[in-house]
Amino acid sequence: MPRTNAAGWSLKRLLEATLNRDITVEQLRDACGVTKGRWYGGVGRANADDFPDAEEARRAAHAFGLSATWLQVELGLITLDDVREALDESQPLDPFRMTTRQRVLQIPNPADPPRD
């Protein structure tokens, strides 16, 4: 069973709730940097116990314009104490806080009308 947050939500459900929109499996797969063959293959990442790992969570966060640190904390990959210790200060985590990456990949929402 893939990794979930404290509420039992999968990565897909957590992203959908945070972004307030639907995300397709293809968008999630691409955001995590996983090929179609590796996603569904024999030991597919989609159902792996360690999905998402820290790198897949970081990639997904950046692809959807979220804080990688926030997402990794939500999924239990790191703790708030780890973050605070690394920053050497206490500050709240915000999923939309600027990250080191300046360019956010634009993944089209299938519900939006096509642009001309």
PDB file of N, CA and C in Angstrom:
ATOM      1  N   MET A   1       0.841  -1.178   0.000  1.00  0.00           N
ATOM      2  CA  MET A   1       0.000   0.000   0.000  1.00  0.00           C
ATOM      3  C   MET A   1       0.888   1.244   0.000  1.00  0.00           C
ATOM      4  N   PRO A   2       0.689   2.176  -0.912  1.00  0.00           N
ATOM      5  CA  PRO A   2       1.526   3.373  -1.000  1.00  0.00           C
ATOM      6  C   PRO A   2       1.445   4.244   0.255  1.00  0.00           C
ATOM      7  N   ARG A   3       2.457   5.079   0.412  1.00  0.00           N
ATOM      8  CA  ARG A   3       2.566   5.993   1.550  1.00  0.00           C
ATOM      9  C   ARG A   3       1.390   6.977   1.554  1.00  0.00           C
ATOM     10  N   THR A   4       0.896   7.305   2.738  1.00  0.00           N
ATOM     11  CA  THR A   4      -0.213   8.257   2.882  1.00  0.00           C
ATOM     12  C   THR A   4       0.143   9.299   3.936  1.00  0.00           C
ATOM     13  N   ASN A   5      -0.685  10.348   4.022  1.00  0.00           N
ATOM     14  CA  ASN A   5      -0.482  11.339   5.077  1.00  0.00           C
ATOM     15  C   ASN A   5      -1.174  10.858   6.351  1.00  0.00           C
ATOM     16  N   ALA A   6      -1.185  11.680   7.390  1.00  0.00           N
ATOM     17  CA  ALA A   6      -1.768  11.282   8.680  1.00  0.00           C
ATOM     18  C   ALA A   6      -3.257  10.976   8.570  1.00  0.00           C
ATOM     19  N   ALA A   7      -3.941  11.603   7.612  1.00  0.00           N
ATOM     20  CA  ALA A   7      -5.376  11.377   7.424  1.00  0.00           C
ATOM     21  C   ALA A   7      -5.657  10.155   6.549  1.00  0.00           C
ATOM     22  N   GLY A   8      -4.606   9.503   6.056  1.00  0.00           N
ATOM     23  CA  GLY A   8      -4.783   8.328   5.207  1.00  0.00           C
ATOM     24  C   GLY A   8      -4.956   8.649   3.738  1.00  0.00           C
ATOM     25  N   TRP A   9      -4.665   9.886   3.344  1.00  0.00           N
ATOM     26  CA  TRP A   9      -4.816  10.299   1.945  1.00  0.00           C
ATOM     27  C   TRP A   9      -3.578   9.938   1.142  1.00  0.00           C
ATOM     28  N   SER A  10      -3.802   9.442  -0.060  1.00  0.00           N
ATOM     29  CA  SER A  10      -2.704   9.150  -0.983  1.00  0.00           C
ATOM     30  C   SER A  10      -2.144  10.465  -1.521  1.00  0.00           C
ATOM     31  N   LEU A  11      -1.023  10.374  -2.208  1.00  0.00           N
ATOM     32  CA  LEU A  11      -0.418  11.567  -2.805  1.00  0.00           C
ATOM     33  C   LEU A  11      -1.402  12.256  -3.739  1.00  0.00           C
ATOM     34  N   LYS A  12      -2.076  11.486  -4.575  1.00  0.00           N
ATOM     35  CA  LYS A  12      -3.036  12.060  -5.531  1.00  0.00           C
ATOM     36  C   LYS A  12      -4.144  12.817  -4.796  1.00  0.00           C
ATOM     37  N   ARG A  13      -4.731  12.203  -3.794  1.00  0.00           N
ATOM     38  CA  ARG A  13      -5.823  12.829  -3.034  1.00  0.00           C
ATOM     39  C   ARG A  13      -5.340  14.070  -2.289  1.00  0.00           C
ATOM     40  N   LEU A  14      -4.156  14.011  -1.711  1.00  0.00           N
ATOM     41  CA  LEU A  14      -3.590  15.148  -0.994  1.00  0.00           C
ATOM     42  C   LEU A  14      -3.366  16.326  -1.938  1.00  0.00           C
ATOM     43  N   LEU A  15      -2.819  16.058  -3.120  1.00  0.00           N
ATOM     44  CA  LEU A  15      -2.602  17.126  -4.098  1.00  0.00           C
ATOM     45  C   LEU A  15      -3.928  17.705  -4.578  1.00  0.00           C
ATOM     46  N   GLU A  16      -4.900  16.851  -4.838  1.00  0.00           N
ATOM     47  CA  GLU A  16      -6.213  17.330  -5.290  1.00  0.00           C
ATOM     48  C   GLU A  16      -6.860  18.219  -4.234  1.00  0.00           C
ATOM     49  N   ALA A  17      -6.779  17.838  -2.975  1.00  0.00           N
ATOM     50  CA  ALA A  17      -7.377  18.636  -1.902  1.00  0.00           C
ATOM     51  C   ALA A  17      -6.638  19.957  -1.724  1.00  0.00           C
ATOM     52  N   THR A  18      -5.333  19.934  -1.817  1.00  0.00           N
ATOM     53  CA  THR A  18      -4.533  21.147  -1.646  1.00  0.00           C
ATOM     54  C   THR A  18      -4.747  22.121  -2.798  1.00  0.00           C
ATOM     55  N   LEU A  19      -4.792  21.593  -4.018  1.00  0.00           N
ATOM     56  CA  LEU A  19      -4.938  22.436  -5.206  1.00  0.00           C
ATOM     57  C   LEU A  19      -6.393  22.721  -5.552  1.00  0.00           C
ATOM     58  N   ASN A  20      -7.307  22.007  -4.901  1.00  0.00           N
ATOM     59  CA  ASN A  20      -8.746  22.162  -5.138  1.00  0.00           C
ATOM     60  C   ASN A  20      -9.116  21.915  -6.602  1.00  0.00           C
ATOM     61  N   ARG A  21      -8.552  20.834  -7.155  1.00  0.00           N
ATOM     62  CA  ARG A  21      -8.886  20.425  -8.522  1.00  0.00           C
ATOM     63  C   ARG A  21      -8.505  18.968  -8.716  1.00  0.00           C
ATOM     64  N   ASP A  22      -9.072  18.367  -9.747  1.00  0.00           N
ATOM     65  CA  ASP A  22      -8.755  16.977 -10.060  1.00  0.00           C
ATOM     66  C   ASP A  22      -7.391  16.883 -10.727  1.00  0.00           C
ATOM     67  N   ILE A  23      -6.718  15.783 -10.482  1.00  0.00           N
ATOM     68  CA  ILE A  23      -5.430  15.491 -11.105  1.00  0.00           C
ATOM     69  C   ILE A  23      -5.538  14.099 -11.711  1.00  0.00           C
ATOM     70  N   THR A  24      -5.157  13.970 -12.965  1.00  0.00           N
ATOM     71  CA  THR A  24      -5.202  12.656 -13.607  1.00  0.00           C
ATOM     72  C   THR A  24      -3.994  11.830 -13.178  1.00  0.00           C
ATOM     73  N   VAL A  25      -4.104  10.528 -13.348  1.00  0.00           N
ATOM     74  CA  VAL A  25      -2.991   9.636 -13.033  1.00  0.00           C
ATOM     75  C   VAL A  25      -1.794   9.986 -13.911  1.00  0.00           C
ATOM     76  N   GLU A  26      -2.051  10.336 -15.163  1.00  0.00           N
ATOM     77  CA  GLU A  26      -0.967  10.695 -16.080  1.00  0.00           C
ATOM     78  C   GLU A  26      -0.247  11.951 -15.597  1.00  0.00           C
ATOM     79  N   GLN A  27      -0.990  12.950 -15.116  1.00  0.00           N
ATOM     80  CA  GLN A  27      -0.370  14.169 -14.591  1.00  0.00           C
ATOM     81  C   GLN A  27       0.490  13.848 -13.374  1.00  0.00           C
ATOM     82  N   LEU A  28      -0.022  12.999 -12.503  1.00  0.00           N
ATOM     83  CA  LEU A  28       0.726  12.623 -11.306  1.00  0.00           C
ATOM     84  C   LEU A  28       1.983  11.849 -11.680  1.00  0.00           C
ATOM     85  N   ARG A  29       1.845  10.901 -12.590  1.00  0.00           N
ATOM     86  CA  ARG A  29       2.982  10.095 -13.031  1.00  0.00           C
ATOM     87  C   ARG A  29       4.068  10.983 -13.633  1.00  0.00           C
ATOM     88  N   ASP A  30       3.666  11.894 -14.525  1.00  0.00           N
ATOM     89  CA  ASP A  30       4.629  12.800 -15.148  1.00  0.00           C
ATOM     90  C   ASP A  30       5.274  13.716 -14.114  1.00  0.00           C
ATOM     91  N   ALA A  31       4.477  14.226 -13.181  1.00  0.00           N
ATOM     92  CA  ALA A  31       4.989  15.123 -12.148  1.00  0.00           C
ATOM     93  C   ALA A  31       6.028  14.422 -11.274  1.00  0.00           C
ATOM     94  N   CYS A  32       5.828  13.149 -11.011  1.00  0.00           N
ATOM     95  CA  CYS A  32       6.759  12.377 -10.173  1.00  0.00           C
ATOM     96  C   CYS A  32       7.992  11.926 -10.946  1.00  0.00           C
ATOM     97  N   GLY A  33       7.966  12.092 -12.262  1.00  0.00           N
ATOM     98  CA  GLY A  33       9.103  11.693 -13.086  1.00  0.00           C
ATOM     99  C   GLY A  33       9.205  10.195 -13.292  1.00  0.00           C
ATOM    100  N   VAL A  34       8.063   9.522 -13.315  1.00  0.00           N
ATOM    101  CA  VAL A  34       8.032   8.065 -13.476  1.00  0.00           C
ATOM    102  C   VAL A  34       7.486   7.736 -14.865  1.00  0.00           C
ATOM    103  N   THR A  35       8.166   6.835 -15.567  1.00  0.00           N
ATOM    104  CA  THR A  35       7.704   6.445 -16.896  1.00  0.00           C
ATOM    105  C   THR A  35       6.462   5.570 -16.785  1.00  0.00           C
ATOM    106  N   LYS A  36       5.725   5.493 -17.882  1.00  0.00           N
ATOM    107  CA  LYS A  36       4.504   4.684 -17.891  1.00  0.00           C
ATOM    108  C   LYS A  36       4.820   3.222 -17.585  1.00  0.00           C
ATOM    109  N   GLY A  37       5.892   2.700 -18.172  1.00  0.00           N
ATOM    110  CA  GLY A  37       6.276   1.312 -17.937  1.00  0.00           C
ATOM    111  C   GLY A  37       6.652   1.045 -16.491  1.00  0.00           C
ATOM    112  N   ARG A  38       7.351   1.973 -15.887  1.00  0.00           N
ATOM    113  CA  ARG A  38       7.751   1.814 -14.485  1.00  0.00           C
ATOM    114  C   ARG A  38       6.571   2.035 -13.545  1.00  0.00           C
ATOM    115  N   TRP A  39       5.614   2.858 -13.964  1.00  0.00           N
ATOM    116  CA  TRP A  39       4.426   3.136 -13.140  1.00  0.00           C
ATOM    117  C   TRP A  39       3.559   1.888 -13.004  1.00  0.00           C
ATOM    118  N   TYR A  40       3.297   1.239 -14.158  1.00  0.00           N
ATOM    119  CA  TYR A  40       2.396   0.088 -14.173  1.00  0.00           C
ATOM    120  C   TYR A  40       3.116  -1.248 -14.228  1.00  0.00           C
ATOM    121  N   GLY A  41       4.422  -1.255 -14.459  1.00  0.00           N
ATOM    122  CA  GLY A  41       5.182  -2.485 -14.666  1.00  0.00           C
ATOM    123  C   GLY A  41       5.035  -3.509 -13.552  1.00  0.00           C
ATOM    124  N   GLY A  42       5.799  -4.600 -13.665  1.00  0.00           N
ATOM    125  CA  GLY A  42       5.717  -5.721 -12.734  1.00  0.00           C
ATOM    126  C   GLY A  42       5.660  -5.329 -11.266  1.00  0.00           C
ATOM    127  N   VAL A  43       6.564  -4.499 -10.847  1.00  0.00           N
ATOM    128  CA  VAL A  43       6.562  -4.011  -9.459  1.00  0.00           C
ATOM    129  C   VAL A  43       6.227  -2.525  -9.459  1.00  0.00           C
ATOM    130  N   GLY A  44       5.263  -2.133 -10.252  1.00  0.00           N
ATOM    131  CA  GLY A  44       4.914  -0.738 -10.509  1.00  0.00           C
ATOM    132  C   GLY A  44       4.980   0.195  -9.312  1.00  0.00           C
ATOM    133  N   ARG A  45       5.456   1.393  -9.571  1.00  0.00           N
ATOM    134  CA  ARG A  45       5.577   2.411  -8.529  1.00  0.00           C
ATOM    135  C   ARG A  45       4.216   2.803  -7.974  1.00  0.00           C
ATOM    136  N   ALA A  46       3.177   2.728  -8.782  1.00  0.00           N
ATOM    137  CA  ALA A  46       1.851   3.173  -8.349  1.00  0.00           C
ATOM    138  C   ALA A  46       1.384   2.468  -7.083  1.00  0.00           C
ATOM    139  N   ASN A  47       1.776   1.218  -6.898  1.00  0.00           N
ATOM    140  CA  ASN A  47       1.322   0.452  -5.736  1.00  0.00           C
ATOM    141  C   ASN A  47       2.447   0.071  -4.786  1.00  0.00           C
ATOM    142  N   ALA A  48       3.627   0.637  -4.986  1.00  0.00           N
ATOM    143  CA  ALA A  48       4.765   0.307  -4.131  1.00  0.00           C
ATOM    144  C   ALA A  48       4.573   0.881  -2.730  1.00  0.00           C
ATOM    145  N   ASP A  49       5.052   0.154  -1.732  1.00  0.00           N
ATOM    146  CA  ASP A  49       4.922   0.602  -0.344  1.00  0.00           C
ATOM    147  C   ASP A  49       5.656   1.909  -0.080  1.00  0.00           C
ATOM    148  N   ASP A  50       6.730   2.165  -0.829  1.00  0.00           N
ATOM    149  CA  ASP A  50       7.514   3.375  -0.596  1.00  0.00           C
ATOM    150  C   ASP A  50       7.190   4.500  -1.587  1.00  0.00           C
ATOM    151  N   PHE A  51       6.020   4.429  -2.230  1.00  0.00           N
ATOM    152  CA  PHE A  51       5.628   5.495  -3.160  1.00  0.00           C
ATOM    153  C   PHE A  51       4.798   6.534  -2.428  1.00  0.00           C
ATOM    154  N   PRO A  52       5.082   7.792  -2.569  1.00  0.00           N
ATOM    155  CA  PRO A  52       6.242   8.367  -3.240  1.00  0.00           C
ATOM    156  C   PRO A  52       7.455   8.394  -2.313  1.00  0.00           C
ATOM    157  N   ASP A  53       8.633   8.264  -2.916  1.00  0.00           N
ATOM    158  CA  ASP A  53       9.840   8.450  -2.119  1.00  0.00           C
ATOM    159  C   ASP A  53      10.127   9.952  -2.069  1.00  0.00           C
ATOM    160  N   ALA A  54      11.174  10.344  -1.392  1.00  0.00           N
ATOM    161  CA  ALA A  54      11.453  11.771  -1.200  1.00  0.00           C
ATOM    162  C   ALA A  54      11.639  12.506  -2.527  1.00  0.00           C
ATOM    163  N   GLU A  55      12.321  11.886  -3.471  1.00  0.00           N
ATOM    164  CA  GLU A  55      12.560  12.535  -4.765  1.00  0.00           C
ATOM    165  C   GLU A  55      11.269  12.670  -5.568  1.00  0.00           C
ATOM    166  N   GLU A  56      10.447  11.647  -5.565  1.00  0.00           N
ATOM    167  CA  GLU A  56       9.164  11.723  -6.283  1.00  0.00           C
ATOM    168  C   GLU A  56       8.261  12.783  -5.657  1.00  0.00           C
ATOM    169  N   ALA A  57       8.262  12.880  -4.340  1.00  0.00           N
ATOM    170  CA  ALA A  57       7.468  13.912  -3.662  1.00  0.00           C
ATOM    171  C   ALA A  57       7.994  15.298  -4.009  1.00  0.00           C
ATOM    172  N   ARG A  58       9.321  15.453  -4.042  1.00  0.00           N
ATOM    173  CA  ARG A  58       9.918  16.749  -4.390  1.00  0.00           C
ATOM    174  C   ARG A  58       9.540  17.156  -5.809  1.00  0.00           C
ATOM    175  N   ARG A  59       9.643  16.220  -6.736  1.00  0.00           N
ATOM    176  CA  ARG A  59       9.292  16.514  -8.131  1.00  0.00           C
ATOM    177  C   ARG A  59       7.814  16.880  -8.269  1.00  0.00           C
ATOM    178  N   ALA A  60       6.952  16.128  -7.594  1.00  0.00           N
ATOM    179  CA  ALA A  60       5.512  16.404  -7.657  1.00  0.00           C
ATOM    180  C   ALA A  60       5.208  17.781  -7.082  1.00  0.00           C
ATOM    181  N   ALA A  61       5.820  18.106  -5.957  1.00  0.00           N
ATOM    182  CA  ALA A  61       5.592  19.417  -5.339  1.00  0.00           C
ATOM    183  C   ALA A  61       5.981  20.532  -6.298  1.00  0.00           C
ATOM    184  N   HIS A  62       7.149  20.425  -6.882  1.00  0.00           N
ATOM    185  CA  HIS A  62       7.601  21.463  -7.811  1.00  0.00           C
ATOM    186  C   HIS A  62       6.714  21.538  -9.049  1.00  0.00           C
ATOM    187  N   ALA A  63       6.300  20.407  -9.566  1.00  0.00           N
ATOM    188  CA  ALA A  63       5.456  20.390 -10.765  1.00  0.00           C
ATOM    189  C   ALA A  63       4.118  21.078 -10.525  1.00  0.00           C
ATOM    190  N   PHE A  64       3.600  20.976  -9.308  1.00  0.00           N
ATOM    191  CA  PHE A  64       2.303  21.576  -9.003  1.00  0.00           C
ATOM    192  C   PHE A  64       2.425  22.899  -8.254  1.00  0.00           C
ATOM    193  N   GLY A  65       3.631  23.442  -8.153  1.00  0.00           N
ATOM    194  CA  GLY A  65       3.822  24.755  -7.545  1.00  0.00           C
ATOM    195  C   GLY A  65       3.703  24.773  -6.029  1.00  0.00           C
ATOM    196  N   LEU A  66       4.020  23.660  -5.391  1.00  0.00           N
ATOM    197  CA  LEU A  66       3.935  23.568  -3.935  1.00  0.00           C
ATOM    198  C   LEU A  66       5.325  23.491  -3.321  1.00  0.00           C
ATOM    199  N   SER A  67       5.389  23.644  -2.023  1.00  0.00           N
ATOM    200  CA  SER A  67       6.640  23.513  -1.295  1.00  0.00           C
ATOM    201  C   SER A  67       6.986  22.034  -1.143  1.00  0.00           C
ATOM    202  N   ALA A  68       8.176  21.666  -1.584  1.00  0.00           N
ATOM    203  CA  ALA A  68       8.617  20.275  -1.462  1.00  0.00           C
ATOM    204  C   ALA A  68       8.745  19.883   0.007  1.00  0.00           C
ATOM    205  N   THR A  69       9.209  20.807   0.825  1.00  0.00           N
ATOM    206  CA  THR A  69       9.356  20.527   2.254  1.00  0.00           C
ATOM    207  C   THR A  69       8.004  20.241   2.885  1.00  0.00           C
ATOM    208  N   TRP A  70       7.016  21.061   2.573  1.00  0.00           N
ATOM    209  CA  TRP A  70       5.671  20.859   3.117  1.00  0.00           C
ATOM    210  C   TRP A  70       5.140  19.479   2.728  1.00  0.00           C
ATOM    211  N   LEU A  71       5.278  19.114   1.453  1.00  0.00           N
ATOM    212  CA  LEU A  71       4.750  17.833   0.992  1.00  0.00           C
ATOM    213  C   LEU A  71       5.476  16.668   1.657  1.00  0.00           C
ATOM    214  N   GLN A  72       6.783  16.777   1.817  1.00  0.00           N
ATOM    215  CA  GLN A  72       7.534  15.703   2.464  1.00  0.00           C
ATOM    216  C   GLN A  72       7.152  15.564   3.936  1.00  0.00           C
ATOM    217  N   VAL A  73       6.862  16.674   4.603  1.00  0.00           N
ATOM    218  CA  VAL A  73       6.381  16.607   5.988  1.00  0.00           C
ATOM    219  C   VAL A  73       5.005  15.958   6.023  1.00  0.00           C
ATOM    220  N   GLU A  74       4.114  16.366   5.129  1.00  0.00           N
ATOM    221  CA  GLU A  74       2.759  15.799   5.075  1.00  0.00           C
ATOM    222  C   GLU A  74       2.779  14.286   4.894  1.00  0.00           C
ATOM    223  N   LEU A  75       3.715  13.798   4.103  1.00  0.00           N
ATOM    224  CA  LEU A  75       3.787  12.366   3.809  1.00  0.00           C
ATOM    225  C   LEU A  75       4.655  11.595   4.803  1.00  0.00           C
ATOM    226  N   GLY A  76       5.176  12.282   5.805  1.00  0.00           N
ATOM    227  CA  GLY A  76       5.969  11.623   6.833  1.00  0.00           C
ATOM    228  C   GLY A  76       7.379  11.258   6.407  1.00  0.00           C
ATOM    229  N   LEU A  77       7.851  11.850   5.328  1.00  0.00           N
ATOM    230  CA  LEU A  77       9.212  11.568   4.873  1.00  0.00           C
ATOM    231  C   LEU A  77      10.239  12.287   5.739  1.00  0.00           C
ATOM    232  N   ILE A  78       9.870  13.450   6.251  1.00  0.00           N
ATOM    233  CA  ILE A  78      10.683  14.199   7.203  1.00  0.00           C
ATOM    234  C   ILE A  78       9.739  14.753   8.268  1.00  0.00           C
ATOM    235  N   THR A  79      10.291  15.144   9.398  1.00  0.00           N
ATOM    236  CA  THR A  79       9.463  15.693  10.472  1.00  0.00           C
ATOM    237  C   THR A  79       9.650  17.199  10.562  1.00  0.00           C
ATOM    238  N   LEU A  80       8.714  17.863  11.216  1.00  0.00           N
ATOM    239  CA  LEU A  80       8.856  19.304  11.440  1.00  0.00           C
ATOM    240  C   LEU A  80      10.107  19.597  12.255  1.00  0.00           C
ATOM    241  N   ASP A  81      10.432  18.721  13.188  1.00  0.00           N
ATOM    242  CA  ASP A  81      11.652  18.915  13.978  1.00  0.00           C
ATOM    243  C   ASP A  81      12.886  18.871  13.084  1.00  0.00           C
ATOM    244  N   ASP A  82      12.890  17.971  12.099  1.00  0.00           N
ATOM    245  CA  ASP A  82      14.003  17.914  11.145  1.00  0.00           C
ATOM    246  C   ASP A  82      14.131  19.233  10.394  1.00  0.00           C
ATOM    247  N   VAL A  83      12.996  19.759   9.962  1.00  0.00           N
ATOM    248  CA  VAL A  83      12.988  21.010   9.198  1.00  0.00           C
ATOM    249  C   VAL A  83      13.461  22.159  10.071  1.00  0.00           C
ATOM    250  N   ARG A  84      12.909  22.251  11.269  1.00  0.00           N
ATOM    251  CA  ARG A  84      13.283  23.354  12.172  1.00  0.00           C
ATOM    252  C   ARG A  84      14.761  23.286  12.539  1.00  0.00           C
ATOM    253  N   GLU A  85      15.237  22.087  12.754  1.00  0.00           N
ATOM    254  CA  GLU A  85      16.656  21.923  13.068  1.00  0.00           C
ATOM    255  C   GLU A  85      17.516  22.369  11.887  1.00  0.00           C
ATOM    256  N   ALA A  86      17.105  22.011  10.689  1.00  0.00           N
ATOM    257  CA  ALA A  86      17.856  22.401   9.493  1.00  0.00           C
ATOM    258  C   ALA A  86      17.821  23.911   9.282  1.00  0.00           C
ATOM    259  N   LEU A  87      16.696  24.528   9.580  1.00  0.00           N
ATOM    260  CA  LEU A  87      16.565  25.976   9.403  1.00  0.00           C
ATOM    261  C   LEU A  87      17.075  26.750  10.613  1.00  0.00           C
ATOM    262  N   ASP A  88      17.193  26.043  11.747  1.00  0.00           N
ATOM    263  CA  ASP A  88      17.614  26.639  12.999  1.00  0.00           C
ATOM    264  C   ASP A  88      16.692  27.774  13.430  1.00  0.00           C
ATOM    265  N   GLU A  89      15.432  27.656  13.108  1.00  0.00           N
ATOM    266  CA  GLU A  89      14.420  28.611  13.553  1.00  0.00           C
ATOM    267  C   GLU A  89      13.054  27.968  13.386  1.00  0.00           C
ATOM    268  N   SER A  90      12.092  28.449  14.128  1.00  0.00           N
ATOM    269  CA  SER A  90      10.729  27.928  14.029  1.00  0.00           C
ATOM    270  C   SER A  90       9.912  28.832  13.129  1.00  0.00           C
ATOM    271  N   GLN A  91       9.411  28.268  12.059  1.00  0.00           N
ATOM    272  CA  GLN A  91       8.522  29.012  11.177  1.00  0.00           C
ATOM    273  C   GLN A  91       7.501  28.041  10.605  1.00  0.00           C
ATOM    274  N   PRO A  92       6.256  28.501  10.454  1.00  0.00           N
ATOM    275  CA  PRO A  92       5.225  27.597   9.945  1.00  0.00           C
ATOM    276  C   PRO A  92       5.492  27.211   8.489  1.00  0.00           C
ATOM    277  N   LEU A  93       5.115  25.995   8.152  1.00  0.00           N
ATOM    278  CA  LEU A  93       5.244  25.546   6.767  1.00  0.00           C
ATOM    279  C   LEU A  93       4.007  25.948   5.991  1.00  0.00           C
ATOM    280  N   ASP A  94       4.213  26.458   4.812  1.00  0.00           N
ATOM    281  CA  ASP A  94       3.130  26.896   3.946  1.00  0.00           C
ATOM    282  C   ASP A  94       3.296  26.173   2.617  1.00  0.00           C
ATOM    283  N   PRO A  95       2.272  25.456   2.148  1.00  0.00           N
ATOM    284  CA  PRO A  95       2.435  24.697   0.908  1.00  0.00           C
ATOM    285  C   PRO A  95       2.700  25.566  -0.311  1.00  0.00           C
ATOM    286  N   PHE A  96       2.390  26.860  -0.240  1.00  0.00           N
ATOM    287  CA  PHE A  96       2.593  27.729  -1.393  1.00  0.00           C
ATOM    288  C   PHE A  96       3.791  28.666  -1.213  1.00  0.00           C
ATOM    289  N   ARG A  97       4.608  28.412  -0.189  1.00  0.00           N
ATOM    290  CA  ARG A  97       5.791  29.229   0.041  1.00  0.00           C
ATOM    291  C   ARG A  97       6.765  29.047  -1.116  1.00  0.00           C
ATOM    292  N   MET A  98       7.447  30.121  -1.472  1.00  0.00           N
ATOM    293  CA  MET A  98       8.402  30.052  -2.577  1.00  0.00           C
ATOM    294  C   MET A  98       9.455  28.992  -2.305  1.00  0.00           C
ATOM    295  N   THR A  99       9.778  28.245  -3.319  1.00  0.00           N
ATOM    296  CA  THR A  99      10.819  27.237  -3.218  1.00  0.00           C
ATOM    297  C   THR A  99      12.017  27.711  -4.016  1.00  0.00           C
ATOM    298  N   THR A 100      13.073  26.941  -4.005  1.00  0.00           N
ATOM    299  CA  THR A 100      14.275  27.345  -4.721  1.00  0.00           C
ATOM    300  C   THR A 100      14.070  27.337  -6.230  1.00  0.00           C
ATOM    301  N   ARG A 101      13.158  26.555  -6.689  1.00  0.00           N
ATOM    302  CA  ARG A 101      12.893  26.506  -8.124  1.00  0.00           C
ATOM    303  C   ARG A 101      11.979  27.666  -8.494  1.00  0.00           C
ATOM    304  N   GLN A 102      12.347  28.413  -9.491  1.00  0.00           N
ATOM    305  CA  GLN A 102      11.595  29.598  -9.874  1.00  0.00           C
ATOM    306  C   GLN A 102      10.533  29.326 -10.929  1.00  0.00           C
ATOM    307  N   ARG A 103      10.725  28.307 -11.751  1.00  0.00           N
ATOM    308  CA  ARG A 103       9.784  28.019 -12.825  1.00  0.00           C
ATOM    309  C   ARG A 103       8.900  26.844 -12.428  1.00  0.00           C
ATOM    310  N   VAL A 104       7.611  27.022 -12.527  1.00  0.00           N
ATOM    311  CA  VAL A 104       6.661  25.965 -12.196  1.00  0.00           C
ATOM    312  C   VAL A 104       6.132  25.376 -13.497  1.00  0.00           C
ATOM    313  N   LEU A 105       6.164  24.055 -13.596  1.00  0.00           N
ATOM    314  CA  LEU A 105       5.630  23.406 -14.788  1.00  0.00           C
ATOM    315  C   LEU A 105       4.124  23.611 -14.841  1.00  0.00           C
ATOM    316  N   GLN A 106       3.624  23.982 -15.965  1.00  0.00           N
ATOM    317  CA  GLN A 106       2.195  24.189 -16.136  1.00  0.00           C
ATOM    318  C   GLN A 106       1.571  22.905 -16.651  1.00  0.00           C
ATOM    319  N   ILE A 107       0.854  22.226 -15.782  1.00  0.00           N
ATOM    320  CA  ILE A 107       0.158  21.002 -16.162  1.00  0.00           C
ATOM    321  C   ILE A 107      -1.290  21.380 -16.403  1.00  0.00           C
ATOM    322  N   PRO A 108      -1.770  21.210 -17.633  1.00  0.00           N
ATOM    323  CA  PRO A 108      -3.133  21.646 -17.939  1.00  0.00           C
ATOM    324  C   PRO A 108      -4.183  20.868 -17.152  1.00  0.00           C
ATOM    325  N   ASN A 109      -5.196  21.578 -16.734  1.00  0.00           N
ATOM    326  CA  ASN A 109      -6.333  20.971 -16.044  1.00  0.00           C
ATOM    327  C   ASN A 109      -7.326  20.553 -17.117  1.00  0.00           C
ATOM    328  N   PRO A 110      -7.660  19.264 -17.210  1.00  0.00           N
ATOM    329  CA  PRO A 110      -8.569  18.804 -18.262  1.00  0.00           C
ATOM    330  C   PRO A 110      -9.949  19.460 -18.194  1.00  0.00           C
ATOM    331  N   ALA A 111     -10.327  19.983 -17.046  1.00  0.00           N
ATOM    332  CA  ALA A 111     -11.647  20.608 -16.903  1.00  0.00           C
ATOM    333  C   ALA A 111     -11.676  22.020 -17.491  1.00  0.00           C
ATOM    334  N   ASP A 112     -10.490  22.618 -17.670  1.00  0.00           N
ATOM    335  CA  ASP A 112     -10.434  23.970 -18.229  1.00  0.00           C
ATOM    336  C   ASP A 112     -10.650  23.934 -19.741  1.00  0.00           C
ATOM    337  N   PRO A 113     -11.299  24.965 -20.291  1.00  0.00           N
ATOM    338  CA  PRO A 113     -11.479  25.014 -21.750  1.00  0.00           C
ATOM    339  C   PRO A 113     -10.131  25.209 -22.438  1.00  0.00           C
ATOM    340  N   PRO A 114      -9.966  24.662 -23.635  1.00  0.00           N
ATOM    341  CA  PRO A 114      -8.697  24.811 -24.350  1.00  0.00           C
ATOM    342  C   PRO A 114      -8.443  26.269 -24.708  1.00  0.00           C
ATOM    343  N   ARG A 115      -7.156  26.628 -24.677  1.00  0.00           N
ATOM    344  CA  ARG A 115      -6.758  27.996 -25.036  1.00  0.00           C
ATOM    345  C   ARG A 115      -6.510  28.064 -26.538  1.00  0.00           C
ATOM    346  N   ASP A 116      -6.878  29.172 -27.126  1.00  0.00           N
ATOM    347  CA  ASP A 116      -6.651  29.357 -28.567  1.00  0.00           C
ATOM    348  C   ASP A 116      -5.354  30.057 -28.834  1.00  0.00           C
TER     349      ASP A 116
END
